[in-house]
Amino acid sequence: MKDGNWTWPEETVDLTPEQHRWRARDVSYYRGPWNRLKAMIPGFELAPFRLEPDAPENQHLRMVVRKPVTQTEQAIPIGTVSPSYSLASHSEVADLCFEGLKRCGVKPEEVRPELGLSELGEWMNLRLVLPERFAMQEATGQQTALRLECFNSVDGSSRLVIVFGWLRFVCANGLIIGKTMIQIRERHDGSLALEEIPDRIERAFKTADADRRRRLRLHEVQVEEKALISWVDGPVAKTWGKKAAARILYICRTGRDAEFDDPFAPGEASEKPMRQRDPVPGSAVPARNAFEIMQAMSFVATGRNDALERQRMQREVDQLLEVLKPS
């Protein structure tokens, strides 16, 4: 920690071990100073949909084209979109995210940026970790940082999503604030107003304190083993499947991850034979309150390899917690 901020990586771009998939395409994550990361983001443009420069144009479609990154590279077609499609470039969206944080009293040099890009750069996941003064102090002494995340695609295949969430450093769990997700979702069409992003980030930021207090109060919500099993076998298994439900229960009981020993064994999620795996850092053993159970859920959701599935599950954490019966 330095001057009340997290200790950021050195002034170089590092490829992190994190690897994900987005629509069956590899996504790699990088960490470093923003000016270096921003230079890695390719540019895109809209072009007529035709076979040759002098060929007839299809008036019902347009092409999204990746601009050459180097002098030896040629433009690459990325996808087709409707004529009403609004192209939101990654760089422009990212700059507006930084502008929004400035309005919240966060200086750009205080932010730790991380950048996820698909193979051709058509999908971006920008993560901006805020300094320590905005963190959540857990009852165990662990600190969970507030993070702004942006998900953007230039080919119209995904919505533009900007959301605040929590990052638990001890196990790299990412937890999205569900209500903020709904407030800042946009489609890439004629109604997309990028200039509104800073104002909407500022408004969403004001909900972070309330969300922090609400989550910390979950420490006070005690959950008995019987209620935990009923919840895992019911709502969690129905929403996330028996495998994820069984893993959550195992983590809550032992502090370790697990996998099915026999995927075809009969029974509820709580009855499945499990093969023990690695410890889950920061886990309470056993988990006896809603906050500790939430962390087990977040670990399972964050570990999903598919980026869209991970985002969906993180968004559903709060919905599932709402039906967890306290003691």
C-alpha atoms as a PDB file:
ATOM      1  CA  MET A   1       0.000   0.000   0.000  1.00  0.00           C
ATOM      2  CA  LYS A   2       1.299   3.462  -0.856  1.00  0.00           C
ATOM      3  CA  ASP A   3      -0.194   6.833   0.137  1.00  0.00           C
ATOM      4  CA  GLY A   4      -3.459   5.136   1.076  1.00  0.00           C
ATOM      5  CA  ASN A   5      -3.752   3.392  -2.303  1.00  0.00           C
ATOM      6  CA  TRP A   6      -3.297  -0.203  -3.360  1.00  0.00           C
ATOM      7  CA  THR A   7       0.175  -1.135  -4.568  1.00  0.00           C
ATOM      8  CA  TRP A   8      -0.171  -1.188  -8.347  1.00  0.00           C
ATOM      9  CA  PRO A   9       2.018  -3.269 -10.688  1.00  0.00           C
ATOM     10  CA  GLU A  10       5.168  -1.840 -12.223  1.00  0.00           C
ATOM     11  CA  GLU A  11       4.896   0.542 -15.184  1.00  0.00           C
ATOM     12  CA  THR A  12       4.864  -2.278 -17.710  1.00  0.00           C
ATOM     13  CA  VAL A  13       2.092  -4.238 -19.390  1.00  0.00           C
ATOM     14  CA  ASP A  14       1.781  -7.768 -18.042  1.00  0.00           C
ATOM     15  CA  LEU A  15      -0.296 -10.616 -19.439  1.00  0.00           C
ATOM     16  CA  THR A  16      -2.214 -11.985 -16.468  1.00  0.00           C
ATOM     17  CA  PRO A  17      -2.878 -15.713 -15.923  1.00  0.00           C
ATOM     18  CA  GLU A  18      -6.597 -15.035 -16.376  1.00  0.00           C
ATOM     19  CA  GLN A  19      -8.029 -16.548 -19.543  1.00  0.00           C
ATOM     20  CA  HIS A  20     -11.678 -16.556 -20.539  1.00  0.00           C
ATOM     21  CA  ARG A  21     -13.885 -17.185 -23.531  1.00  0.00           C
ATOM     22  CA  TRP A  22     -16.401 -14.881 -25.162  1.00  0.00           C
ATOM     23  CA  ARG A  23     -18.686 -16.468 -27.772  1.00  0.00           C
ATOM     24  CA  ALA A  24     -16.152 -19.302 -28.223  1.00  0.00           C
ATOM     25  CA  ARG A  25     -13.270 -16.837 -28.726  1.00  0.00           C
ATOM     26  CA  ASP A  26     -10.270 -16.531 -26.428  1.00  0.00           C
ATOM     27  CA  VAL A  27     -10.049 -13.483 -24.170  1.00  0.00           C
ATOM     28  CA  SER A  28      -6.718 -12.413 -22.667  1.00  0.00           C
ATOM     29  CA  TYR A  29      -6.262  -9.964 -19.789  1.00  0.00           C
ATOM     30  CA  TYR A  30      -3.523  -7.389 -19.352  1.00  0.00           C
ATOM     31  CA  ARG A  31      -2.463  -5.134 -16.481  1.00  0.00           C
ATOM     32  CA  GLY A  32      -0.404  -1.955 -16.640  1.00  0.00           C
ATOM     33  CA  PRO A  33      -0.541   1.839 -17.015  1.00  0.00           C
ATOM     34  CA  TRP A  34      -3.555   3.046 -18.947  1.00  0.00           C
ATOM     35  CA  ASN A  35      -1.603   4.812 -21.704  1.00  0.00           C
ATOM     36  CA  ARG A  36       0.095   1.497 -22.518  1.00  0.00           C
ATOM     37  CA  LEU A  37      -3.105  -0.534 -22.330  1.00  0.00           C
ATOM     38  CA  LYS A  38      -5.074   1.933 -24.428  1.00  0.00           C
ATOM     39  CA  ALA A  39      -2.474   1.671 -27.196  1.00  0.00           C
ATOM     40  CA  MET A  40      -3.308  -2.053 -27.444  1.00  0.00           C
ATOM     41  CA  ILE A  41      -6.960  -1.411 -28.298  1.00  0.00           C
ATOM     42  CA  PRO A  42      -7.583  -1.657 -32.065  1.00  0.00           C
ATOM     43  CA  GLY A  43      -9.735   0.836 -33.933  1.00  0.00           C
ATOM     44  CA  PHE A  44     -12.885  -0.076 -35.831  1.00  0.00           C
ATOM     45  CA  GLU A  45     -15.062   1.556 -38.467  1.00  0.00           C
ATOM     46  CA  LEU A  46     -18.275   0.934 -40.375  1.00  0.00           C
ATOM     47  CA  ALA A  47     -18.054   0.191 -44.102  1.00  0.00           C
ATOM     48  CA  PRO A  48     -20.498  -0.676 -46.908  1.00  0.00           C
ATOM     49  CA  PHE A  49     -21.346  -4.368 -47.176  1.00  0.00           C
ATOM     50  CA  ARG A  50     -20.097  -5.356 -50.607  1.00  0.00           C
ATOM     51  CA  LEU A  51     -17.760  -7.927 -52.181  1.00  0.00           C
ATOM     52  CA  GLU A  52     -15.533  -5.501 -54.090  1.00  0.00           C
ATOM     53  CA  PRO A  53     -14.898  -1.744 -53.775  1.00  0.00           C
ATOM     54  CA  ASP A  54     -16.830  -1.109 -57.007  1.00  0.00           C
ATOM     55  CA  ALA A  55     -19.455  -3.861 -56.462  1.00  0.00           C
ATOM     56  CA  PRO A  56     -23.105  -3.167 -55.554  1.00  0.00           C
ATOM     57  CA  GLU A  57     -23.768  -2.456 -51.905  1.00  0.00           C
ATOM     58  CA  ASN A  58     -26.240  -4.338 -49.735  1.00  0.00           C
ATOM     59  CA  GLN A  59     -28.315  -1.477 -48.341  1.00  0.00           C
ATOM     60  CA  HIS A  60     -29.696  -3.598 -45.505  1.00  0.00           C
ATOM     61  CA  LEU A  61     -26.360  -4.353 -43.865  1.00  0.00           C
ATOM     62  CA  ARG A  62     -23.068  -2.696 -43.008  1.00  0.00           C
ATOM     63  CA  MET A  63     -19.701  -4.190 -42.121  1.00  0.00           C
ATOM     64  CA  VAL A  64     -17.702  -3.596 -38.954  1.00  0.00           C
ATOM     65  CA  VAL A  65     -14.055  -3.503 -39.955  1.00  0.00           C
ATOM     66  CA  ARG A  66     -10.985  -3.630 -37.751  1.00  0.00           C
ATOM     67  CA  LYS A  67      -8.463  -1.042 -38.852  1.00  0.00           C
ATOM     68  CA  PRO A  68      -4.855  -2.145 -39.461  1.00  0.00           C
ATOM     69  CA  VAL A  69      -2.838  -2.176 -36.255  1.00  0.00           C
ATOM     70  CA  THR A  70       0.560  -2.180 -37.993  1.00  0.00           C
ATOM     71  CA  GLN A  71       1.816  -0.958 -41.370  1.00  0.00           C
ATOM     72  CA  THR A  72       2.010  -4.516 -42.668  1.00  0.00           C
ATOM     73  CA  GLU A  73      -1.493  -5.502 -41.571  1.00  0.00           C
ATOM     74  CA  GLN A  74      -4.651  -5.172 -43.636  1.00  0.00           C
ATOM     75  CA  ALA A  75      -8.154  -4.305 -42.489  1.00  0.00           C
ATOM     76  CA  ILE A  76     -10.148  -7.288 -41.169  1.00  0.00           C
ATOM     77  CA  PRO A  77     -13.949  -7.641 -41.398  1.00  0.00           C
ATOM     78  CA  ILE A  78     -15.413  -8.403 -37.981  1.00  0.00           C
ATOM     79  CA  GLY A  79     -19.153  -8.738 -38.557  1.00  0.00           C
ATOM     80  CA  THR A  80     -22.288  -7.312 -40.107  1.00  0.00           C
ATOM     81  CA  VAL A  81     -24.748  -4.926 -38.466  1.00  0.00           C
ATOM     82  CA  SER A  82     -27.904  -3.046 -39.392  1.00  0.00           C
ATOM     83  CA  PRO A  83     -27.736   0.417 -41.009  1.00  0.00           C
ATOM     84  CA  SER A  84     -29.045   1.934 -37.742  1.00  0.00           C
ATOM     85  CA  TYR A  85     -26.211   0.448 -35.684  1.00  0.00           C
ATOM     86  CA  SER A  86     -24.214   2.892 -33.532  1.00  0.00           C
ATOM     87  CA  LEU A  87     -20.539   1.961 -33.265  1.00  0.00           C
ATOM     88  CA  ALA A  88     -19.213   2.644 -29.772  1.00  0.00           C
ATOM     89  CA  SER A  89     -15.436   2.417 -29.950  1.00  0.00           C
ATOM     90  CA  HIS A  90     -13.650   0.814 -27.013  1.00  0.00           C
ATOM     91  CA  SER A  91     -11.293   3.753 -26.567  1.00  0.00           C
ATOM     92  CA  GLU A  92     -14.104   6.303 -26.484  1.00  0.00           C
ATOM     93  CA  VAL A  93     -16.133   4.286 -23.996  1.00  0.00           C
ATOM     94  CA  ALA A  94     -13.062   3.787 -21.796  1.00  0.00           C
ATOM     95  CA  ASP A  95     -12.257   7.516 -21.792  1.00  0.00           C
ATOM     96  CA  LEU A  96     -15.831   8.270 -20.752  1.00  0.00           C
ATOM     97  CA  CYS A  97     -15.506   5.768 -17.889  1.00  0.00           C
ATOM     98  CA  PHE A  98     -12.418   7.607 -16.654  1.00  0.00           C
ATOM     99  CA  GLU A  99     -14.299  10.896 -16.974  1.00  0.00           C
ATOM    100  CA  GLY A 100     -17.146   9.481 -14.892  1.00  0.00           C
ATOM    101  CA  LEU A 101     -14.733   8.425 -12.150  1.00  0.00           C
ATOM    102  CA  LYS A 102     -13.151  11.886 -12.132  1.00  0.00           C
ATOM    103  CA  ARG A 103     -16.591  13.304 -11.350  1.00  0.00           C
ATOM    104  CA  CYS A 104     -16.708  10.890  -8.403  1.00  0.00           C
ATOM    105  CA  GLY A 105     -13.441  12.274  -7.012  1.00  0.00           C
ATOM    106  CA  VAL A 106     -11.190   9.532  -8.359  1.00  0.00           C
ATOM    107  CA  LYS A 107      -8.049  10.663 -10.159  1.00  0.00           C
ATOM    108  CA  PRO A 108      -6.928   8.607 -13.187  1.00  0.00           C
ATOM    109  CA  GLU A 109      -3.522   7.937 -11.611  1.00  0.00           C
ATOM    110  CA  GLU A 110      -5.232   6.385  -8.554  1.00  0.00           C
ATOM    111  CA  VAL A 111      -6.977   3.738 -10.633  1.00  0.00           C
ATOM    112  CA  ARG A 112      -5.524   0.300 -11.377  1.00  0.00           C
ATOM    113  CA  PRO A 113      -6.629  -0.579 -14.912  1.00  0.00           C
ATOM    114  CA  GLU A 114      -6.975  -4.077 -16.321  1.00  0.00           C
ATOM    115  CA  LEU A 115      -7.926  -4.789 -19.914  1.00  0.00           C
ATOM    116  CA  GLY A 116      -9.497  -7.908 -21.385  1.00  0.00           C
ATOM    117  CA  LEU A 117      -9.628  -8.262 -25.181  1.00  0.00           C
ATOM    118  CA  SER A 118     -10.903 -11.004 -27.477  1.00  0.00           C
ATOM    119  CA  GLU A 119      -8.580 -12.334 -30.166  1.00  0.00           C
ATOM    120  CA  LEU A 120      -9.449  -9.645 -32.721  1.00  0.00           C
ATOM    121  CA  GLY A 121     -10.336  -7.049 -30.122  1.00  0.00           C
ATOM    122  CA  GLU A 122     -14.029  -6.891 -31.016  1.00  0.00           C
ATOM    123  CA  TRP A 123     -14.996  -7.489 -27.342  1.00  0.00           C
ATOM    124  CA  MET A 124     -13.508  -5.559 -24.425  1.00  0.00           C
ATOM    125  CA  ASN A 125     -13.740  -5.960 -20.661  1.00  0.00           C
ATOM    126  CA  LEU A 126     -12.228  -2.906 -18.968  1.00  0.00           C
ATOM    127  CA  ARG A 127     -11.735  -3.075 -15.195  1.00  0.00           C
ATOM    128  CA  LEU A 128     -10.826  -0.030 -13.125  1.00  0.00           C
ATOM    129  CA  VAL A 129      -9.973  -0.841  -9.499  1.00  0.00           C
ATOM    130  CA  LEU A 130     -10.567   2.167  -7.242  1.00  0.00           C
ATOM    131  CA  PRO A 131      -8.210   3.217  -4.413  1.00  0.00           C
ATOM    132  CA  GLU A 132      -8.428   1.891  -0.872  1.00  0.00           C
ATOM    133  CA  ARG A 133     -10.580   4.671   0.556  1.00  0.00           C
ATOM    134  CA  PHE A 134     -13.547   3.233  -1.354  1.00  0.00           C
ATOM    135  CA  ALA A 135     -12.967  -0.358  -0.187  1.00  0.00           C
ATOM    136  CA  MET A 136     -15.172  -2.602   1.948  1.00  0.00           C
ATOM    137  CA  GLN A 137     -13.584  -3.660   5.255  1.00  0.00           C
ATOM    138  CA  GLU A 138     -14.801  -7.151   6.104  1.00  0.00           C
ATOM    139  CA  ALA A 139     -15.277  -8.409   9.659  1.00  0.00           C
ATOM    140  CA  THR A 140     -12.342 -10.774   9.124  1.00  0.00           C
ATOM    141  CA  GLY A 141      -9.992  -7.897   8.264  1.00  0.00           C
ATOM    142  CA  GLN A 142      -9.989  -8.676   4.556  1.00  0.00           C
ATOM    143  CA  GLN A 143     -10.504  -5.731   2.230  1.00  0.00           C
ATOM    144  CA  THR A 144     -12.646  -5.813  -0.879  1.00  0.00           C
ATOM    145  CA  ALA A 145     -12.020  -3.114  -3.474  1.00  0.00           C
ATOM    146  CA  LEU A 146     -14.655  -1.237  -5.429  1.00  0.00           C
ATOM    147  CA  ARG A 147     -14.227  -1.786  -9.162  1.00  0.00           C
ATOM    148  CA  LEU A 148     -15.831  -0.276 -12.240  1.00  0.00           C
ATOM    149  CA  GLU A 149     -16.278  -2.775 -15.055  1.00  0.00           C
ATOM    150  CA  CYS A 150     -17.150  -2.073 -18.669  1.00  0.00           C
ATOM    151  CA  PHE A 151     -18.163  -4.697 -21.235  1.00  0.00           C
ATOM    152  CA  ASN A 152     -18.368  -3.555 -24.844  1.00  0.00           C
ATOM    153  CA  SER A 153     -18.521  -5.152 -28.270  1.00  0.00           C
ATOM    154  CA  VAL A 154     -18.131  -3.315 -31.563  1.00  0.00           C
ATOM    155  CA  ASP A 155     -20.042  -5.845 -33.669  1.00  0.00           C
ATOM    156  CA  GLY A 156     -23.448  -5.549 -31.977  1.00  0.00           C
ATOM    157  CA  SER A 157     -23.296  -9.031 -30.458  1.00  0.00           C
ATOM    158  CA  SER A 158     -23.357  -7.794 -26.839  1.00  0.00           C
ATOM    159  CA  ARG A 159     -24.816  -4.837 -25.005  1.00  0.00           C
ATOM    160  CA  LEU A 160     -22.658  -2.055 -23.666  1.00  0.00           C
ATOM    161  CA  VAL A 161     -22.630  -2.658 -19.903  1.00  0.00           C
ATOM    162  CA  ILE A 162     -20.970  -0.453 -17.288  1.00  0.00           C
ATOM    163  CA  VAL A 163     -21.293  -1.609 -13.698  1.00  0.00           C
ATOM    164  CA  PHE A 164     -19.759  -1.189 -10.279  1.00  0.00           C
ATOM    165  CA  GLY A 165     -18.749  -4.307  -8.384  1.00  0.00           C
ATOM    166  CA  TRP A 166     -16.536  -5.583  -5.607  1.00  0.00           C
ATOM    167  CA  LEU A 167     -13.172  -7.335  -6.004  1.00  0.00           C
ATOM    168  CA  ARG A 168     -12.008  -9.494  -3.117  1.00  0.00           C
ATOM    169  CA  PHE A 169      -8.215  -9.517  -3.432  1.00  0.00           C
ATOM    170  CA  VAL A 170      -7.615 -12.604  -1.287  1.00  0.00           C
ATOM    171  CA  CYS A 171      -9.285 -14.869  -3.856  1.00  0.00           C
ATOM    172  CA  ALA A 172      -9.805 -12.547  -6.870  1.00  0.00           C
ATOM    173  CA  ASN A 173     -13.597 -12.864  -6.535  1.00  0.00           C
ATOM    174  CA  GLY A 174     -15.571 -10.348  -8.534  1.00  0.00           C
ATOM    175  CA  LEU A 175     -19.081  -9.489  -7.370  1.00  0.00           C
ATOM    176  CA  ILE A 176     -21.325  -7.230  -9.454  1.00  0.00           C
ATOM    177  CA  ILE A 177     -23.756  -4.759  -7.906  1.00  0.00           C
ATOM    178  CA  GLY A 178     -26.956  -5.976  -9.507  1.00  0.00           C
ATOM    179  CA  LYS A 179     -29.081  -2.829  -9.360  1.00  0.00           C
ATOM    180  CA  THR A 180     -26.381  -0.722 -10.994  1.00  0.00           C
ATOM    181  CA  MET A 181     -26.187  -3.237 -13.847  1.00  0.00           C
ATOM    182  CA  ILE A 182     -29.774  -2.488 -14.812  1.00  0.00           C
ATOM    183  CA  GLN A 183     -29.258   1.268 -14.723  1.00  0.00           C
ATOM    184  CA  ILE A 184     -26.407   1.470 -17.220  1.00  0.00           C
ATOM    185  CA  ARG A 185     -27.194  -1.123 -19.894  1.00  0.00           C
ATOM    186  CA  GLU A 186     -27.571   0.056 -23.478  1.00  0.00           C
ATOM    187  CA  ARG A 187     -28.108  -1.410 -26.910  1.00  0.00           C
ATOM    188  CA  HIS A 188     -25.936  -0.350 -29.820  1.00  0.00           C
ATOM    189  CA  ASP A 189     -28.681   1.373 -31.755  1.00  0.00           C
ATOM    190  CA  GLY A 190     -29.848   4.872 -32.486  1.00  0.00           C
ATOM    191  CA  SER A 191     -30.741   5.479 -28.823  1.00  0.00           C
ATOM    192  CA  LEU A 192     -27.163   4.953 -27.605  1.00  0.00           C
ATOM    193  CA  ALA A 193     -26.032   8.241 -26.020  1.00  0.00           C
ATOM    194  CA  LEU A 194     -22.385   7.819 -25.071  1.00  0.00           C
ATOM    195  CA  GLU A 195     -22.132  11.346 -23.731  1.00  0.00           C
ATOM    196  CA  GLU A 196     -24.432  10.334 -20.863  1.00  0.00           C
ATOM    197  CA  ILE A 197     -21.981   7.739 -19.528  1.00  0.00           C
ATOM    198  CA  PRO A 198     -20.089  10.027 -17.077  1.00  0.00           C
ATOM    199  CA  ASP A 199     -23.316  11.341 -15.520  1.00  0.00           C
ATOM    200  CA  ARG A 200     -24.738   7.855 -15.176  1.00  0.00           C
ATOM    201  CA  ILE A 201     -21.517   6.554 -13.610  1.00  0.00           C
ATOM    202  CA  GLU A 202     -21.663   9.402 -11.111  1.00  0.00           C
ATOM    203  CA  ARG A 203     -25.254   8.527 -10.190  1.00  0.00           C
ATOM    204  CA  ALA A 204     -24.466   4.825  -9.900  1.00  0.00           C
ATOM    205  CA  PHE A 205     -21.396   5.552  -7.778  1.00  0.00           C
ATOM    206  CA  LYS A 206     -23.646   7.097  -5.138  1.00  0.00           C
ATOM    207  CA  THR A 207     -25.266   3.682  -4.564  1.00  0.00           C
ATOM    208  CA  ALA A 208     -21.938   2.063  -3.663  1.00  0.00           C
ATOM    209  CA  ASP A 209     -21.990   3.171  -0.007  1.00  0.00           C
ATOM    210  CA  ALA A 210     -25.471   1.765   0.491  1.00  0.00           C
ATOM    211  CA  ASP A 211     -24.465  -1.478  -1.210  1.00  0.00           C
ATOM    212  CA  ARG A 212     -21.347  -1.721   0.965  1.00  0.00           C
ATOM    213  CA  ARG A 213     -23.422  -1.358   4.146  1.00  0.00           C
ATOM    214  CA  ARG A 214     -26.018  -3.834   2.913  1.00  0.00           C
ATOM    215  CA  ARG A 215     -23.410  -6.470   2.169  1.00  0.00           C
ATOM    216  CA  LEU A 216     -21.623  -6.031   5.483  1.00  0.00           C
ATOM    217  CA  ARG A 217     -24.946  -6.517   7.288  1.00  0.00           C
ATOM    218  CA  LEU A 218     -25.026 -10.006   5.774  1.00  0.00           C
ATOM    219  CA  HIS A 219     -22.494 -10.963   8.486  1.00  0.00           C
ATOM    220  CA  GLU A 220     -25.401 -10.718  10.922  1.00  0.00           C
ATOM    221  CA  VAL A 221     -27.654 -13.104   8.964  1.00  0.00           C
ATOM    222  CA  GLN A 222     -26.976 -16.520  10.488  1.00  0.00           C
ATOM    223  CA  VAL A 223     -27.858 -19.586   8.392  1.00  0.00           C
ATOM    224  CA  GLU A 224     -28.246 -23.098   9.813  1.00  0.00           C
ATOM    225  CA  GLU A 225     -26.949 -26.155   7.996  1.00  0.00           C
ATOM    226  CA  LYS A 226     -30.465 -27.424   7.348  1.00  0.00           C
ATOM    227  CA  ALA A 227     -31.505 -24.142   5.705  1.00  0.00           C
ATOM    228  CA  LEU A 228     -28.281 -24.056   3.678  1.00  0.00           C
ATOM    229  CA  ILE A 229     -28.872 -27.557   2.296  1.00  0.00           C
ATOM    230  CA  SER A 230     -32.501 -26.790   1.428  1.00  0.00           C
ATOM    231  CA  TRP A 231     -31.435 -23.609  -0.388  1.00  0.00           C
ATOM    232  CA  VAL A 232     -28.609 -25.368  -2.287  1.00  0.00           C
ATOM    233  CA  ASP A 233     -30.844 -28.250  -3.382  1.00  0.00           C
ATOM    234  CA  GLY A 234     -33.647 -25.862  -4.321  1.00  0.00           C
ATOM    235  CA  PRO A 235     -33.097 -22.373  -5.811  1.00  0.00           C
ATOM    236  CA  VAL A 236     -29.337 -22.668  -6.419  1.00  0.00           C
ATOM    237  CA  ALA A 237     -29.499 -26.055  -8.168  1.00  0.00           C
ATOM    238  CA  LYS A 238     -32.466 -24.883 -10.241  1.00  0.00           C
ATOM    239  CA  THR A 239     -30.745 -21.655 -11.331  1.00  0.00           C
ATOM    240  CA  TRP A 240     -27.068 -22.675 -11.601  1.00  0.00           C
ATOM    241  CA  GLY A 241     -27.275 -26.460 -11.862  1.00  0.00           C
ATOM    242  CA  LYS A 242     -26.401 -29.211  -9.395  1.00  0.00           C
ATOM    243  CA  LYS A 243     -22.658 -29.045 -10.038  1.00  0.00           C
ATOM    244  CA  ALA A 244     -22.338 -25.382  -9.051  1.00  0.00           C
ATOM    245  CA  ALA A 245     -24.733 -25.903  -6.129  1.00  0.00           C
ATOM    246  CA  ALA A 246     -22.720 -28.864  -4.821  1.00  0.00           C
ATOM    247  CA  ARG A 247     -19.475 -26.868  -5.090  1.00  0.00           C
ATOM    248  CA  ILE A 248     -20.959 -23.974  -3.102  1.00  0.00           C
ATOM    249  CA  LEU A 249     -22.100 -26.330  -0.337  1.00  0.00           C
ATOM    250  CA  TYR A 250     -18.692 -28.049  -0.228  1.00  0.00           C
ATOM    251  CA  ILE A 251     -16.855 -24.711   0.006  1.00  0.00           C
ATOM    252  CA  CYS A 252     -19.190 -23.567   2.788  1.00  0.00           C
ATOM    253  CA  ARG A 253     -18.520 -26.767   4.733  1.00  0.00           C
ATOM    254  CA  THR A 254     -14.773 -27.230   4.172  1.00  0.00           C
ATOM    255  CA  GLY A 255     -13.278 -24.059   2.681  1.00  0.00           C
ATOM    256  CA  ARG A 256     -12.096 -26.100  -0.307  1.00  0.00           C
ATOM    257  CA  ASP A 257     -13.331 -26.388  -3.868  1.00  0.00           C
ATOM    258  CA  ALA A 258     -14.553 -29.733  -5.211  1.00  0.00           C
ATOM    259  CA  GLU A 259     -15.836 -31.518  -8.289  1.00  0.00           C
ATOM    260  CA  PHE A 260     -18.214 -34.408  -8.861  1.00  0.00           C
ATOM    261  CA  ASP A 261     -16.577 -37.726  -8.091  1.00  0.00           C
ATOM    262  CA  ASP A 262     -19.306 -39.423 -10.126  1.00  0.00           C
ATOM    263  CA  PRO A 263     -21.253 -37.032 -12.397  1.00  0.00           C
ATOM    264  CA  PHE A 264     -23.934 -39.677 -12.946  1.00  0.00           C
ATOM    265  CA  ALA A 265     -24.563 -40.458  -9.284  1.00  0.00           C
ATOM    266  CA  PRO A 266     -28.235 -39.988  -8.344  1.00  0.00           C
ATOM    267  CA  GLY A 267     -29.503 -37.598  -5.714  1.00  0.00           C
ATOM    268  CA  GLU A 268     -29.734 -33.919  -4.884  1.00  0.00           C
ATOM    269  CA  ALA A 269     -26.766 -31.557  -5.092  1.00  0.00           C
ATOM    270  CA  SER A 270     -26.115 -32.029  -1.365  1.00  0.00           C
ATOM    271  CA  GLU A 271     -25.991 -35.819  -1.840  1.00  0.00           C
ATOM    272  CA  LYS A 272     -23.514 -35.929  -4.708  1.00  0.00           C
ATOM    273  CA  PRO A 273     -20.153 -37.624  -3.979  1.00  0.00           C
ATOM    274  CA  MET A 274     -17.454 -34.972  -4.334  1.00  0.00           C
ATOM    275  CA  ARG A 275     -13.708 -35.052  -4.984  1.00  0.00           C
ATOM    276  CA  GLN A 276     -11.849 -32.448  -2.960  1.00  0.00           C
ATOM    277  CA  ARG A 277      -9.749 -29.832  -4.717  1.00  0.00           C
ATOM    278  CA  ASP A 278      -7.711 -26.774  -3.716  1.00  0.00           C
ATOM    279  CA  PRO A 279      -8.473 -24.508  -0.746  1.00  0.00           C
ATOM    280  CA  VAL A 280     -10.530 -21.397  -1.522  1.00  0.00           C
ATOM    281  CA  PRO A 281      -8.568 -18.443  -0.064  1.00  0.00           C
ATOM    282  CA  GLY A 282     -10.451 -16.333   2.453  1.00  0.00           C
ATOM    283  CA  SER A 283     -13.181 -18.910   3.057  1.00  0.00           C
ATOM    284  CA  ALA A 284     -14.797 -19.276   6.474  1.00  0.00           C
ATOM    285  CA  VAL A 285     -14.836 -22.873   7.743  1.00  0.00           C
ATOM    286  CA  PRO A 286     -17.638 -23.557   8.083  1.00  0.00           C
ATOM    287  CA  ALA A 287     -19.625 -20.717   6.495  1.00  0.00           C
ATOM    288  CA  ARG A 288     -22.424 -19.817   8.884  1.00  0.00           C
ATOM    289  CA  ASN A 289     -23.689 -16.433   7.717  1.00  0.00           C
ATOM    290  CA  ALA A 290     -24.989 -14.983   4.470  1.00  0.00           C
ATOM    291  CA  PHE A 291     -21.836 -12.939   3.824  1.00  0.00           C
ATOM    292  CA  GLU A 292     -19.601 -16.032   3.971  1.00  0.00           C
ATOM    293  CA  ILE A 293     -22.040 -17.951   1.771  1.00  0.00           C
ATOM    294  CA  MET A 294     -22.071 -15.035  -0.693  1.00  0.00           C
ATOM    295  CA  GLN A 295     -18.282 -15.313  -1.019  1.00  0.00           C
ATOM    296  CA  ALA A 296     -18.542 -19.011  -1.869  1.00  0.00           C
ATOM    297  CA  MET A 297     -21.137 -18.147  -4.524  1.00  0.00           C
ATOM    298  CA  SER A 298     -18.931 -15.405  -5.937  1.00  0.00           C
ATOM    299  CA  PHE A 299     -15.967 -17.779  -6.165  1.00  0.00           C
ATOM    300  CA  VAL A 300     -17.984 -20.266  -8.219  1.00  0.00           C
ATOM    301  CA  ALA A 301     -19.498 -17.568 -10.450  1.00  0.00           C
ATOM    302  CA  THR A 302     -16.205 -15.745 -11.052  1.00  0.00           C
ATOM    303  CA  GLY A 303     -14.510 -18.995 -11.999  1.00  0.00           C
ATOM    304  CA  ARG A 304     -16.705 -19.498 -15.058  1.00  0.00           C
ATOM    305  CA  ASN A 305     -14.630 -19.582 -18.225  1.00  0.00           C
ATOM    306  CA  ASP A 306     -17.330 -18.056 -20.435  1.00  0.00           C
ATOM    307  CA  ALA A 307     -17.389 -14.273 -19.930  1.00  0.00           C
ATOM    308  CA  LEU A 308     -21.110 -13.841 -20.587  1.00  0.00           C
ATOM    309  CA  GLU A 309     -22.043 -16.747 -18.327  1.00  0.00           C
ATOM    310  CA  ARG A 310     -19.810 -15.356 -15.582  1.00  0.00           C
ATOM    311  CA  GLN A 311     -21.480 -11.959 -15.847  1.00  0.00           C
ATOM    312  CA  ARG A 312     -24.945 -13.544 -15.715  1.00  0.00           C
ATOM    313  CA  MET A 313     -24.123 -15.611 -12.626  1.00  0.00           C
ATOM    314  CA  GLN A 314     -22.572 -12.662 -10.816  1.00  0.00           C
ATOM    315  CA  ARG A 315     -25.758 -10.736 -11.502  1.00  0.00           C
ATOM    316  CA  GLU A 316     -27.820 -13.590 -10.005  1.00  0.00           C
ATOM    317  CA  VAL A 317     -25.903 -13.830  -6.721  1.00  0.00           C
ATOM    318  CA  ASP A 318     -28.100 -11.264  -4.966  1.00  0.00           C
ATOM    319  CA  GLN A 319     -31.287 -12.779  -6.386  1.00  0.00           C
ATOM    320  CA  LEU A 320     -30.386 -16.163  -4.907  1.00  0.00           C
ATOM    321  CA  LEU A 321     -29.339 -14.684  -1.571  1.00  0.00           C
ATOM    322  CA  GLU A 322     -32.755 -13.065  -1.242  1.00  0.00           C
ATOM    323  CA  VAL A 323     -34.409 -16.499  -1.014  1.00  0.00           C
ATOM    324  CA  LEU A 324     -31.876 -17.903   1.476  1.00  0.00           C
ATOM    325  CA  LYS A 325     -33.745 -18.489   4.728  1.00  0.00           C
ATOM    326  CA  PRO A 326     -31.915 -17.196   7.836  1.00  0.00           C
ATOM    327  CA  SER A 327     -31.910 -19.045  11.148  1.00  0.00           C
END
